[in-house]
Amino acid sequence: MRIHIGGDHAAFELKSHLVQHLRGQGHDVLDHGPAQFDPQDDYPVAVLRAATAVRADEASLGVVLGGSGNGEQMAANKVPGIRAALAWSVETATLSREHNNAQVVSVGARMHTTQEATQIVDAFLAASFSPEQRHQRRLDLIARYEQSGELP
């Protein structure tokens, strides 16, 4: 699977670990940065690049990382058509794929150990969208609102 990953200085070590971990599992990982640790970097740079790449590459998924993961999730969700989920457990990561068909997972490096964060990302990548109609119906409601601005 192709995985686009990006983050900021707060998650630089976690991103480096995940790139190696995911490549070791046989994934094609595209690292959108940062390339080096810079405590003054701005998370939208790498996060928007990763989310935009996921949108352009339908078969791929994305991982965005920061201190809490909140800003990264918000930035990724600004990319039209992207559904990014802030995951804080294996269960929330799995449900974001199964129920919401999220294409991007956001994880806070300061909120989890490296092992916990790795398990969250692995769970996200292993899950798939549920075929239950109710989940697609709800995503369709959101998509219609995004396109028209009209409340359901």
N, C-alpha and C. Protein backbone atom coordinates (compact mmCIF):
# COMPACT_ATOMS: atom_id res chain seq x y z
N MET A 1 0.84 -1.17 0.00
CA MET A 1 0.00 0.00 0.00
C MET A 1 0.89 1.24 0.00
N ARG A 2 0.45 2.26 -0.71
CA ARG A 2 1.17 3.54 -0.70
C ARG A 2 0.65 4.38 0.45
N ILE A 3 1.59 4.92 1.22
CA ILE A 3 1.24 5.73 2.39
C ILE A 3 1.99 7.05 2.30
N HIS A 4 1.23 8.13 2.40
CA HIS A 4 1.81 9.48 2.44
C HIS A 4 1.87 9.91 3.89
N ILE A 5 3.03 10.40 4.32
CA ILE A 5 3.22 10.75 5.72
C ILE A 5 3.84 12.14 5.81
N GLY A 6 3.41 12.90 6.80
CA GLY A 6 3.97 14.23 7.03
C GLY A 6 3.65 14.69 8.43
N GLY A 7 4.45 15.64 8.90
CA GLY A 7 4.23 16.13 10.25
C GLY A 7 5.01 17.40 10.53
N ASP A 8 5.41 17.53 11.77
CA ASP A 8 6.17 18.70 12.19
C ASP A 8 7.26 18.28 13.17
N HIS A 9 7.94 19.29 13.73
CA HIS A 9 9.07 19.03 14.62
C HIS A 9 8.67 18.21 15.85
N ALA A 10 7.47 18.42 16.36
CA ALA A 10 7.04 17.71 17.56
C ALA A 10 6.92 16.21 17.33
N ALA A 11 6.75 15.82 16.09
CA ALA A 11 6.60 14.41 15.75
C ALA A 11 7.72 13.91 14.85
N PHE A 12 8.81 14.66 14.76
CA PHE A 12 9.88 14.29 13.83
C PHE A 12 10.42 12.89 14.13
N GLU A 13 10.68 12.58 15.39
CA GLU A 13 11.21 11.25 15.73
C GLU A 13 10.19 10.17 15.45
N LEU A 14 8.93 10.40 15.78
CA LEU A 14 7.89 9.42 15.51
C LEU A 14 7.74 9.20 14.01
N LYS A 15 7.75 10.28 13.24
CA LYS A 15 7.63 10.14 11.77
C LYS A 15 8.78 9.29 11.23
N SER A 16 9.98 9.57 11.68
CA SER A 16 11.15 8.80 11.21
C SER A 16 10.99 7.33 11.56
N HIS A 17 10.52 7.05 12.77
CA HIS A 17 10.27 5.66 13.19
C HIS A 17 9.21 5.01 12.30
N LEU A 18 8.10 5.70 12.08
CA LEU A 18 7.01 5.12 11.30
C LEU A 18 7.40 4.89 9.85
N VAL A 19 8.17 5.78 9.27
CA VAL A 19 8.63 5.58 7.89
C VAL A 19 9.39 4.25 7.81
N GLN A 20 10.31 4.03 8.74
CA GLN A 20 11.10 2.78 8.74
C GLN A 20 10.20 1.58 9.02
N HIS A 21 9.33 1.70 10.00
CA HIS A 21 8.43 0.61 10.37
C HIS A 21 7.53 0.22 9.19
N LEU A 22 6.93 1.19 8.56
CA LEU A 22 5.99 0.90 7.47
C LEU A 22 6.71 0.36 6.24
N ARG A 23 7.87 0.88 5.95
CA ARG A 23 8.66 0.33 4.83
C ARG A 23 9.06 -1.11 5.14
N GLY A 24 9.38 -1.37 6.40
CA GLY A 24 9.73 -2.74 6.81
C GLY A 24 8.57 -3.71 6.64
N GLN A 25 7.34 -3.20 6.67
CA GLN A 25 6.15 -4.03 6.44
C GLN A 25 5.84 -4.16 4.95
N GLY A 26 6.65 -3.54 4.10
CA GLY A 26 6.45 -3.64 2.66
C GLY A 26 5.63 -2.54 2.03
N HIS A 27 5.28 -1.51 2.81
CA HIS A 27 4.50 -0.40 2.26
C HIS A 27 5.41 0.54 1.46
N ASP A 28 4.83 1.18 0.48
CA ASP A 28 5.51 2.23 -0.30
C ASP A 28 5.21 3.54 0.41
N VAL A 29 6.19 4.07 1.14
CA VAL A 29 5.99 5.25 1.97
C VAL A 29 6.60 6.47 1.31
N LEU A 30 5.79 7.51 1.13
CA LEU A 30 6.28 8.78 0.61
C LEU A 30 6.29 9.78 1.75
N ASP A 31 7.46 10.25 2.10
CA ASP A 31 7.67 11.15 3.23
C ASP A 31 7.61 12.59 2.74
N HIS A 32 6.59 13.32 3.19
CA HIS A 32 6.39 14.70 2.77
C HIS A 32 7.02 15.71 3.73
N GLY A 33 7.80 15.21 4.68
CA GLY A 33 8.56 16.09 5.54
C GLY A 33 8.02 16.19 6.94
N PRO A 34 8.79 16.89 7.72
CA PRO A 34 10.01 17.61 7.39
C PRO A 34 11.19 16.66 7.21
N ALA A 35 12.19 17.12 6.44
CA ALA A 35 13.36 16.31 6.17
C ALA A 35 14.36 16.34 7.33
N GLN A 36 14.30 17.39 8.13
CA GLN A 36 15.16 17.48 9.30
C GLN A 36 14.41 18.18 10.42
N PHE A 37 14.93 18.03 11.62
CA PHE A 37 14.30 18.64 12.79
C PHE A 37 14.51 20.15 12.75
N ASP A 38 13.41 20.89 12.83
CA ASP A 38 13.45 22.34 12.90
C ASP A 38 12.35 22.78 13.87
N PRO A 39 12.72 23.23 15.07
CA PRO A 39 11.71 23.57 16.06
C PRO A 39 10.80 24.73 15.66
N GLN A 40 11.11 25.42 14.57
CA GLN A 40 10.28 26.54 14.10
C GLN A 40 9.45 26.20 12.87
N ASP A 41 9.43 24.92 12.47
CA ASP A 41 8.68 24.57 11.26
C ASP A 41 7.17 24.72 11.49
N ASP A 42 6.43 24.70 10.40
CA ASP A 42 4.98 24.88 10.43
C ASP A 42 4.32 23.61 9.90
N TYR A 43 3.52 22.97 10.74
CA TYR A 43 2.91 21.69 10.37
C TYR A 43 2.09 21.72 9.08
N PRO A 44 1.42 22.83 8.73
CA PRO A 44 0.62 22.76 7.49
C PRO A 44 1.43 22.43 6.24
N VAL A 45 2.70 22.77 6.22
CA VAL A 45 3.51 22.53 5.02
C VAL A 45 3.50 21.05 4.65
N ALA A 46 3.94 20.19 5.55
CA ALA A 46 4.03 18.75 5.25
C ALA A 46 2.67 18.08 5.28
N VAL A 47 1.80 18.52 6.17
CA VAL A 47 0.48 17.90 6.31
C VAL A 47 -0.38 18.13 5.07
N LEU A 48 -0.42 19.35 4.58
CA LEU A 48 -1.21 19.63 3.39
C LEU A 48 -0.65 18.91 2.17
N ARG A 49 0.65 18.78 2.10
CA ARG A 49 1.25 18.02 0.99
C ARG A 49 0.87 16.54 1.06
N ALA A 50 0.91 15.97 2.26
CA ALA A 50 0.56 14.56 2.41
C ALA A 50 -0.92 14.34 2.08
N ALA A 51 -1.80 15.18 2.61
CA ALA A 51 -3.23 15.01 2.36
C ALA A 51 -3.58 15.23 0.89
N THR A 52 -2.95 16.20 0.26
CA THR A 52 -3.19 16.45 -1.17
C THR A 52 -2.72 15.26 -2.00
N ALA A 53 -1.62 14.65 -1.60
CA ALA A 53 -1.12 13.47 -2.32
C ALA A 53 -2.07 12.30 -2.16
N VAL A 54 -2.67 12.14 -0.99
CA VAL A 54 -3.66 11.07 -0.79
C VAL A 54 -4.86 11.30 -1.69
N ARG A 55 -5.31 12.54 -1.77
CA ARG A 55 -6.46 12.85 -2.63
C ARG A 55 -6.16 12.50 -4.10
N ALA A 56 -4.94 12.77 -4.53
CA ALA A 56 -4.56 12.52 -5.93
C ALA A 56 -4.29 11.04 -6.21
N ASP A 57 -4.08 10.27 -5.17
CA ASP A 57 -3.71 8.86 -5.30
C ASP A 57 -4.74 8.03 -4.55
N GLU A 58 -5.87 7.72 -5.21
CA GLU A 58 -7.02 7.10 -4.57
C GLU A 58 -6.73 5.84 -3.78
N ALA A 59 -5.78 5.06 -4.19
CA ALA A 59 -5.50 3.79 -3.52
C ALA A 59 -4.62 3.96 -2.28
N SER A 60 -4.22 5.18 -1.99
CA SER A 60 -3.29 5.41 -0.89
C SER A 60 -4.02 5.84 0.38
N LEU A 61 -3.27 5.85 1.47
CA LEU A 61 -3.74 6.38 2.74
C LEU A 61 -2.69 7.34 3.27
N GLY A 62 -3.06 8.12 4.28
CA GLY A 62 -2.13 9.10 4.83
C GLY A 62 -2.02 9.02 6.34
N VAL A 63 -0.85 9.46 6.82
CA VAL A 63 -0.57 9.57 8.25
C VAL A 63 0.00 10.96 8.47
N VAL A 64 -0.64 11.74 9.34
CA VAL A 64 -0.13 13.06 9.68
C VAL A 64 0.11 13.11 11.19
N LEU A 65 1.18 13.79 11.56
CA LEU A 65 1.67 13.71 12.93
C LEU A 65 2.05 15.08 13.46
N GLY A 66 1.78 15.30 14.71
CA GLY A 66 2.19 16.53 15.37
C GLY A 66 2.26 16.29 16.86
N GLY A 67 2.30 17.36 17.64
CA GLY A 67 2.34 17.22 19.09
C GLY A 67 1.08 16.58 19.63
N SER A 68 -0.07 17.18 19.31
CA SER A 68 -1.35 16.62 19.76
C SER A 68 -2.07 15.91 18.62
N GLY A 69 -1.78 16.26 17.39
CA GLY A 69 -2.49 15.72 16.24
C GLY A 69 -3.70 16.55 15.86
N ASN A 70 -4.10 17.49 16.71
CA ASN A 70 -5.30 18.29 16.44
C ASN A 70 -5.14 19.20 15.23
N GLY A 71 -4.10 20.03 15.23
CA GLY A 71 -3.90 20.95 14.11
C GLY A 71 -3.68 20.22 12.81
N GLU A 72 -2.98 19.10 12.89
CA GLU A 72 -2.70 18.31 11.68
C GLU A 72 -3.99 17.74 11.10
N GLN A 73 -4.88 17.26 11.97
CA GLN A 73 -6.16 16.76 11.49
C GLN A 73 -6.97 17.88 10.86
N MET A 74 -6.98 19.04 11.49
CA MET A 74 -7.72 20.18 10.95
C MET A 74 -7.18 20.60 9.59
N ALA A 75 -5.88 20.66 9.46
CA ALA A 75 -5.27 21.05 8.18
C ALA A 75 -5.60 20.02 7.10
N ALA A 76 -5.44 18.75 7.40
CA ALA A 76 -5.72 17.71 6.40
C ALA A 76 -7.18 17.75 5.95
N ASN A 77 -8.09 18.06 6.88
CA ASN A 77 -9.51 18.13 6.53
C ASN A 77 -9.85 19.32 5.65
N LYS A 78 -8.95 20.26 5.49
CA LYS A 78 -9.18 21.40 4.59
C LYS A 78 -8.95 21.01 3.13
N VAL A 79 -8.33 19.87 2.89
CA VAL A 79 -8.11 19.40 1.52
C VAL A 79 -9.44 18.81 1.03
N PRO A 80 -10.02 19.38 -0.01
CA PRO A 80 -11.33 18.89 -0.48
C PRO A 80 -11.33 17.38 -0.73
N GLY A 81 -12.36 16.73 -0.18
CA GLY A 81 -12.52 15.30 -0.37
C GLY A 81 -11.78 14.44 0.63
N ILE A 82 -10.98 15.03 1.48
CA ILE A 82 -10.23 14.25 2.47
C ILE A 82 -11.01 14.19 3.77
N ARG A 83 -11.03 12.99 4.34
CA ARG A 83 -11.58 12.77 5.67
C ARG A 83 -10.43 12.32 6.56
N ALA A 84 -10.01 13.20 7.45
CA ALA A 84 -8.91 12.90 8.37
C ALA A 84 -9.47 12.74 9.77
N ALA A 85 -9.00 11.72 10.46
CA ALA A 85 -9.48 11.42 11.80
C ALA A 85 -8.34 11.51 12.81
N LEU A 86 -8.61 12.17 13.92
CA LEU A 86 -7.68 12.17 15.04
C LEU A 86 -7.93 10.88 15.80
N ALA A 87 -6.92 10.02 15.84
CA ALA A 87 -7.07 8.74 16.54
C ALA A 87 -6.22 8.76 17.81
N TRP A 88 -6.83 8.34 18.91
CA TRP A 88 -6.11 8.30 20.18
C TRP A 88 -6.07 6.90 20.76
N SER A 89 -6.59 5.94 20.01
CA SER A 89 -6.55 4.54 20.43
C SER A 89 -6.65 3.66 19.19
N VAL A 90 -6.36 2.40 19.38
CA VAL A 90 -6.52 1.43 18.29
C VAL A 90 -7.99 1.41 17.84
N GLU A 91 -8.91 1.48 18.79
CA GLU A 91 -10.33 1.43 18.45
C GLU A 91 -10.77 2.64 17.63
N THR A 92 -10.33 3.85 18.02
CA THR A 92 -10.76 5.02 17.25
C THR A 92 -10.13 5.01 15.85
N ALA A 93 -8.93 4.49 15.74
CA ALA A 93 -8.30 4.38 14.42
C ALA A 93 -9.07 3.41 13.54
N THR A 94 -9.43 2.28 14.09
CA THR A 94 -10.17 1.26 13.33
C THR A 94 -11.55 1.78 12.92
N LEU A 95 -12.26 2.39 13.87
CA LEU A 95 -13.60 2.91 13.57
C LEU A 95 -13.56 4.03 12.53
N SER A 96 -12.50 4.82 12.53
CA SER A 96 -12.42 5.90 11.54
C SER A 96 -12.39 5.36 10.12
N ARG A 97 -11.82 4.19 9.95
CA ARG A 97 -11.82 3.56 8.62
C ARG A 97 -13.14 2.83 8.38
N GLU A 98 -13.57 2.02 9.36
CA GLU A 98 -14.75 1.18 9.17
C GLU A 98 -16.04 2.00 9.01
N HIS A 99 -16.21 3.04 9.80
CA HIS A 99 -17.47 3.79 9.79
C HIS A 99 -17.41 5.09 8.99
N ASN A 100 -16.23 5.70 8.91
CA ASN A 100 -16.11 7.02 8.28
C ASN A 100 -15.27 7.03 7.02
N ASN A 101 -14.71 5.89 6.66
CA ASN A 101 -13.87 5.77 5.47
C ASN A 101 -12.80 6.86 5.43
N ALA A 102 -12.19 7.11 6.59
CA ALA A 102 -11.11 8.10 6.65
C ALA A 102 -9.95 7.64 5.79
N GLN A 103 -9.36 8.59 5.08
CA GLN A 103 -8.19 8.28 4.27
C GLN A 103 -6.90 8.70 4.96
N VAL A 104 -7.02 9.52 6.00
CA VAL A 104 -5.86 10.05 6.71
C VAL A 104 -6.09 9.88 8.20
N VAL A 105 -5.06 9.43 8.90
CA VAL A 105 -5.11 9.36 10.36
C VAL A 105 -4.13 10.37 10.92
N SER A 106 -4.55 11.05 11.97
CA SER A 106 -3.70 12.01 12.66
C SER A 106 -3.41 11.47 14.06
N VAL A 107 -2.13 11.55 14.44
CA VAL A 107 -1.71 11.03 15.74
C VAL A 107 -0.83 12.06 16.42
N GLY A 108 -1.04 12.24 17.71
CA GLY A 108 -0.23 13.16 18.50
C GLY A 108 0.97 12.46 19.12
N ALA A 109 2.15 12.88 18.72
CA ALA A 109 3.38 12.25 19.22
C ALA A 109 3.60 12.49 20.70
N ARG A 110 3.11 13.61 21.20
CA ARG A 110 3.28 13.91 22.62
C ARG A 110 2.23 13.23 23.49
N MET A 111 1.26 12.59 22.86
CA MET A 111 0.16 11.96 23.57
C MET A 111 0.35 10.46 23.75
N HIS A 112 1.31 9.88 23.03
CA HIS A 112 1.47 8.42 23.00
C HIS A 112 2.93 8.03 23.01
N THR A 113 3.19 6.85 23.51
CA THR A 113 4.52 6.27 23.35
C THR A 113 4.69 5.90 21.88
N THR A 114 5.91 5.66 21.48
CA THR A 114 6.16 5.23 20.10
C THR A 114 5.42 3.94 19.81
N GLN A 115 5.41 3.02 20.76
CA GLN A 115 4.72 1.74 20.57
C GLN A 115 3.21 1.95 20.40
N GLU A 116 2.61 2.79 21.24
CA GLU A 116 1.17 3.05 21.12
C GLU A 116 0.84 3.70 19.78
N ALA A 117 1.62 4.69 19.39
CA ALA A 117 1.38 5.39 18.12
C ALA A 117 1.51 4.43 16.95
N THR A 118 2.47 3.54 17.01
CA THR A 118 2.67 2.55 15.95
C THR A 118 1.47 1.62 15.87
N GLN A 119 0.95 1.20 17.01
CA GLN A 119 -0.23 0.33 17.02
C GLN A 119 -1.45 1.04 16.44
N ILE A 120 -1.59 2.33 16.74
CA ILE A 120 -2.71 3.11 16.22
C ILE A 120 -2.62 3.19 14.69
N VAL A 121 -1.45 3.50 14.18
CA VAL A 121 -1.26 3.60 12.72
C VAL A 121 -1.47 2.24 12.06
N ASP A 122 -0.92 1.19 12.65
CA ASP A 122 -1.11 -0.16 12.08
C ASP A 122 -2.59 -0.53 12.04
N ALA A 123 -3.34 -0.21 13.09
CA ALA A 123 -4.77 -0.52 13.12
C ALA A 123 -5.52 0.24 12.03
N PHE A 124 -5.18 1.50 11.86
CA PHE A 124 -5.80 2.32 10.81
C PHE A 124 -5.56 1.70 9.44
N LEU A 125 -4.34 1.32 9.17
CA LEU A 125 -3.99 0.77 7.85
C LEU A 125 -4.61 -0.60 7.62
N ALA A 126 -4.83 -1.36 8.68
CA ALA A 126 -5.38 -2.71 8.55
C ALA A 126 -6.90 -2.72 8.35
N ALA A 127 -7.56 -1.67 8.78
CA ALA A 127 -9.02 -1.63 8.72
C ALA A 127 -9.49 -1.24 7.32
N SER A 128 -10.74 -1.56 7.05
CA SER A 128 -11.34 -1.14 5.77
C SER A 128 -12.78 -0.69 6.00
N PHE A 129 -13.29 0.04 5.03
CA PHE A 129 -14.63 0.62 5.13
C PHE A 129 -15.69 -0.47 5.19
N SER A 130 -16.63 -0.32 6.07
CA SER A 130 -17.72 -1.28 6.24
C SER A 130 -18.70 -1.19 5.07
N PRO A 131 -19.20 -2.32 4.62
CA PRO A 131 -20.18 -2.29 3.53
C PRO A 131 -21.59 -1.90 3.98
N GLU A 132 -21.79 -1.65 5.28
CA GLU A 132 -23.12 -1.29 5.76
C GLU A 132 -23.57 0.02 5.14
N GLN A 133 -24.78 0.03 4.59
CA GLN A 133 -25.31 1.18 3.85
C GLN A 133 -25.38 2.44 4.71
N ARG A 134 -25.64 2.29 6.00
CA ARG A 134 -25.80 3.47 6.86
C ARG A 134 -24.55 4.32 6.89
N HIS A 135 -23.38 3.69 6.80
CA HIS A 135 -22.14 4.45 6.83
C HIS A 135 -21.98 5.28 5.55
N GLN A 136 -22.26 4.67 4.41
CA GLN A 136 -22.18 5.41 3.14
C GLN A 136 -23.22 6.51 3.08
N ARG A 137 -24.42 6.23 3.58
CA ARG A 137 -25.48 7.25 3.60
C ARG A 137 -25.02 8.49 4.36
N ARG A 138 -24.37 8.30 5.48
CA ARG A 138 -23.91 9.42 6.29
C ARG A 138 -22.78 10.19 5.58
N LEU A 139 -21.90 9.47 4.94
CA LEU A 139 -20.84 10.15 4.18
C LEU A 139 -21.42 10.94 3.01
N ASP A 140 -22.46 10.40 2.40
CA ASP A 140 -23.12 11.11 1.30
C ASP A 140 -23.76 12.41 1.79
N LEU A 141 -24.34 12.41 2.99
CA LEU A 141 -24.92 13.63 3.56
C LEU A 141 -23.84 14.71 3.74
N ILE A 142 -22.69 14.29 4.23
CA ILE A 142 -21.58 15.23 4.42
C ILE A 142 -21.10 15.77 3.08
N ALA A 143 -20.95 14.88 2.11
CA ALA A 143 -20.46 15.29 0.79
C ALA A 143 -21.42 16.28 0.13
N ARG A 144 -22.72 16.03 0.25
CA ARG A 144 -23.70 16.95 -0.33
C ARG A 144 -23.60 18.33 0.34
N TYR A 145 -23.42 18.34 1.64
CA TYR A 145 -23.27 19.61 2.34
C TYR A 145 -22.02 20.34 1.89
N GLU A 146 -20.92 19.61 1.73
CA GLU A 146 -19.67 20.23 1.26
C GLU A 146 -19.86 20.86 -0.12
N GLN A 147 -20.62 20.22 -0.97
CA GLN A 147 -20.80 20.71 -2.33
C GLN A 147 -21.80 21.86 -2.41
N SER A 148 -22.89 21.77 -1.64
CA SER A 148 -23.95 22.76 -1.79
C SER A 148 -24.03 23.78 -0.65
N GLY A 149 -23.53 23.41 0.52
CA GLY A 149 -23.67 24.26 1.69
C GLY A 149 -25.04 24.19 2.32
N GLU A 150 -25.90 23.34 1.76
CA GLU A 150 -27.26 23.20 2.26
C GLU A 150 -27.28 22.13 3.36
N LEU A 151 -27.90 22.49 4.49
CA LEU A 151 -27.98 21.55 5.60
C LEU A 151 -28.90 20.39 5.25
N PRO A 152 -28.56 19.18 5.71
CA PRO A 152 -29.43 18.02 5.46
C PRO A 152 -30.77 18.17 6.16
